[in-house]
Amino acid sequence: YISIKRLMLACQRIRNGEKPTDVFTECGYQDYSTFYRAYTRLFGHSPKEESDFKDVSVHDDYISLS
């Protein structure tokens, strides 16, 4: 649950224009490769590709936490 919340925060920040390489440490990851693998596993695409989805709400896509 905590990992999903961290990745959702990272997703929001990336969509707001921040670089994935700046976001991963602030979302609780110490290593970019670990962040990249977890992000890709959860969302099905890389953090860098996230900017293509700027117009979609993070809460509306991918997963349901309830």
N, C-alpha and C. Protein backbone atom coordinates (compact mmCIF):
# COMPACT_ATOMS: atom_id res chain seq x y z
N TYR A 1 0.83 -1.20 0.00
CA TYR A 1 0.00 0.00 0.00
C TYR A 1 0.87 1.26 0.00
N ILE A 2 1.89 1.28 0.82
CA ILE A 2 2.76 2.45 0.92
C ILE A 2 3.50 2.68 -0.40
N SER A 3 3.97 1.60 -1.01
CA SER A 3 4.67 1.73 -2.29
C SER A 3 3.75 2.32 -3.36
N ILE A 4 2.50 1.88 -3.37
CA ILE A 4 1.55 2.40 -4.35
C ILE A 4 1.31 3.89 -4.11
N LYS A 5 1.17 4.30 -2.87
CA LYS A 5 0.96 5.71 -2.55
C LYS A 5 2.17 6.54 -2.98
N ARG A 6 3.37 6.02 -2.76
CA ARG A 6 4.59 6.74 -3.18
C ARG A 6 4.65 6.88 -4.70
N LEU A 7 4.28 5.82 -5.40
CA LEU A 7 4.30 5.86 -6.86
C LEU A 7 3.21 6.78 -7.40
N MET A 8 2.07 6.83 -6.74
CA MET A 8 1.00 7.75 -7.15
C MET A 8 1.46 9.20 -6.97
N LEU A 9 2.16 9.48 -5.88
CA LEU A 9 2.71 10.82 -5.66
C LEU A 9 3.73 11.16 -6.74
N ALA A 10 4.59 10.22 -7.06
CA ALA A 10 5.57 10.44 -8.12
C ALA A 10 4.87 10.72 -9.44
N CYS A 11 3.83 9.98 -9.73
CA CYS A 11 3.07 10.17 -10.96
C CYS A 11 2.50 11.59 -11.04
N GLN A 12 1.91 12.04 -9.96
CA GLN A 12 1.35 13.39 -9.93
C GLN A 12 2.43 14.44 -10.17
N ARG A 13 3.56 14.27 -9.51
CA ARG A 13 4.64 15.25 -9.63
C ARG A 13 5.22 15.27 -11.04
N ILE A 14 5.35 14.09 -11.66
CA ILE A 14 5.87 14.03 -13.02
C ILE A 14 4.89 14.70 -13.98
N ARG A 15 3.61 14.46 -13.78
CA ARG A 15 2.60 15.10 -14.63
C ARG A 15 2.56 16.60 -14.44
N ASN A 16 3.02 17.08 -13.30
CA ASN A 16 3.08 18.52 -13.05
C ASN A 16 4.36 19.14 -13.59
N GLY A 17 5.15 18.35 -14.30
CA GLY A 17 6.32 18.90 -14.98
C GLY A 17 7.66 18.62 -14.34
N GLU A 18 7.69 17.92 -13.23
CA GLU A 18 8.98 17.61 -12.61
C GLU A 18 9.62 16.42 -13.32
N LYS A 19 10.92 16.38 -13.29
CA LYS A 19 11.66 15.29 -13.94
C LYS A 19 11.65 14.05 -13.05
N PRO A 20 11.49 12.87 -13.65
CA PRO A 20 11.52 11.63 -12.86
C PRO A 20 12.80 11.47 -12.05
N THR A 21 13.91 11.95 -12.58
CA THR A 21 15.18 11.82 -11.86
C THR A 21 15.25 12.74 -10.64
N ASP A 22 14.38 13.75 -10.58
CA ASP A 22 14.31 14.62 -9.40
C ASP A 22 13.28 14.11 -8.40
N VAL A 23 12.30 13.37 -8.87
CA VAL A 23 11.16 12.95 -8.06
C VAL A 23 11.45 11.70 -7.23
N PHE A 24 12.20 10.76 -7.76
CA PHE A 24 12.29 9.44 -7.12
C PHE A 24 12.81 9.48 -5.69
N THR A 25 13.78 10.32 -5.38
CA THR A 25 14.29 10.37 -4.01
C THR A 25 13.29 11.01 -3.06
N GLU A 26 12.54 11.97 -3.54
CA GLU A 26 11.56 12.65 -2.71
C GLU A 26 10.32 11.78 -2.46
N CYS A 27 10.20 10.69 -3.20
CA CYS A 27 9.08 9.77 -3.02
C CYS A 27 9.51 8.48 -2.32
N GLY A 28 10.68 8.51 -1.70
CA GLY A 28 11.10 7.40 -0.85
C GLY A 28 11.97 6.34 -1.48
N TYR A 29 12.47 6.58 -2.68
CA TYR A 29 13.35 5.61 -3.33
C TYR A 29 14.78 6.11 -3.29
N GLN A 30 15.71 5.21 -3.00
CA GLN A 30 17.12 5.58 -2.94
C GLN A 30 17.84 5.33 -4.25
N ASP A 31 17.27 4.48 -5.08
CA ASP A 31 17.92 4.08 -6.32
C ASP A 31 16.94 4.25 -7.48
N TYR A 32 17.36 4.93 -8.55
CA TYR A 32 16.46 5.18 -9.68
C TYR A 32 16.03 3.90 -10.36
N SER A 33 16.90 2.90 -10.44
CA SER A 33 16.53 1.67 -11.13
C SER A 33 15.41 0.94 -10.38
N THR A 34 15.42 0.96 -9.07
CA THR A 34 14.35 0.36 -8.28
C THR A 34 13.04 1.12 -8.50
N PHE A 35 13.12 2.44 -8.48
CA PHE A 35 11.94 3.28 -8.75
C PHE A 35 11.39 3.00 -10.14
N TYR A 36 12.27 2.94 -11.13
CA TYR A 36 11.87 2.71 -12.51
C TYR A 36 11.14 1.38 -12.67
N ARG A 37 11.68 0.33 -12.09
CA ARG A 37 11.05 -1.00 -12.18
C ARG A 37 9.68 -1.01 -11.51
N ALA A 38 9.59 -0.44 -10.32
CA ALA A 38 8.31 -0.41 -9.60
C ALA A 38 7.28 0.42 -10.35
N TYR A 39 7.70 1.55 -10.88
CA TYR A 39 6.81 2.45 -11.62
C TYR A 39 6.29 1.75 -12.88
N THR A 40 7.19 1.14 -13.61
CA THR A 40 6.81 0.45 -14.84
C THR A 40 5.90 -0.74 -14.55
N ARG A 41 6.17 -1.45 -13.49
CA ARG A 41 5.34 -2.60 -13.11
C ARG A 41 3.92 -2.15 -12.77
N LEU A 42 3.79 -1.03 -12.04
CA LEU A 42 2.47 -0.56 -11.61
C LEU A 42 1.69 0.09 -12.74
N PHE A 43 2.32 0.97 -13.50
CA PHE A 43 1.62 1.77 -14.50
C PHE A 43 1.70 1.23 -15.93
N GLY A 44 2.64 0.34 -16.19
CA GLY A 44 2.74 -0.24 -17.52
C GLY A 44 3.53 0.60 -18.51
N HIS A 45 4.16 1.64 -18.05
CA HIS A 45 5.03 2.47 -18.89
C HIS A 45 6.07 3.15 -18.00
N SER A 46 7.10 3.68 -18.62
CA SER A 46 8.20 4.27 -17.85
C SER A 46 7.80 5.63 -17.28
N PRO A 47 8.51 6.08 -16.26
CA PRO A 47 8.25 7.41 -15.70
C PRO A 47 8.42 8.53 -16.75
N LYS A 48 9.37 8.36 -17.64
CA LYS A 48 9.60 9.37 -18.66
C LYS A 48 8.41 9.52 -19.61
N GLU A 49 7.70 8.42 -19.86
CA GLU A 49 6.53 8.46 -20.74
C GLU A 49 5.31 9.09 -20.08
N GLU A 50 5.38 9.34 -18.79
CA GLU A 50 4.23 9.86 -18.03
C GLU A 50 3.77 11.23 -18.52
N SER A 51 4.65 12.03 -19.04
CA SER A 51 4.26 13.36 -19.49
C SER A 51 3.24 13.30 -20.63
N ASP A 52 3.13 12.16 -21.31
CA ASP A 52 2.13 11.99 -22.36
C ASP A 52 0.72 11.95 -21.80
N PHE A 53 0.59 11.74 -20.49
CA PHE A 53 -0.72 11.58 -19.86
C PHE A 53 -1.08 12.78 -18.98
N LYS A 54 -0.56 13.95 -19.25
CA LYS A 54 -0.79 15.13 -18.41
C LYS A 54 -2.26 15.47 -18.24
N ASP A 55 -3.10 15.20 -19.24
CA ASP A 55 -4.50 15.60 -19.19
C ASP A 55 -5.40 14.60 -18.48
N VAL A 56 -4.84 13.50 -17.98
CA VAL A 56 -5.63 12.47 -17.32
C VAL A 56 -5.38 12.55 -15.83
N SER A 57 -6.43 12.54 -15.04
CA SER A 57 -6.29 12.59 -13.59
C SER A 57 -5.64 11.31 -13.08
N VAL A 58 -4.74 11.43 -12.14
CA VAL A 58 -4.07 10.27 -11.57
C VAL A 58 -5.08 9.37 -10.88
N HIS A 59 -6.12 9.93 -10.33
CA HIS A 59 -7.11 9.15 -9.60
C HIS A 59 -8.04 8.38 -10.53
N ASP A 60 -8.10 8.75 -11.80
CA ASP A 60 -9.01 8.15 -12.75
C ASP A 60 -8.41 6.98 -13.52
N ASP A 61 -7.12 6.85 -13.53
CA ASP A 61 -6.50 5.84 -14.38
C ASP A 61 -5.73 4.80 -13.60
N TYR A 62 -5.47 3.72 -14.25
CA TYR A 62 -4.58 2.64 -13.83
C TYR A 62 -5.11 1.75 -12.72
N ILE A 63 -5.22 2.26 -11.50
CA ILE A 63 -5.53 1.38 -10.38
C ILE A 63 -6.58 1.98 -9.46
N SER A 64 -7.18 1.15 -8.68
CA SER A 64 -8.10 1.60 -7.65
C SER A 64 -7.53 1.16 -6.31
N LEU A 65 -7.45 2.09 -5.37
CA LEU A 65 -6.90 1.77 -4.05
C LEU A 65 -7.98 1.31 -3.08
N SER A 66 -9.24 1.33 -3.48
CA SER A 66 -10.30 0.93 -2.54
C SER A 66 -10.68 -0.51 -2.69
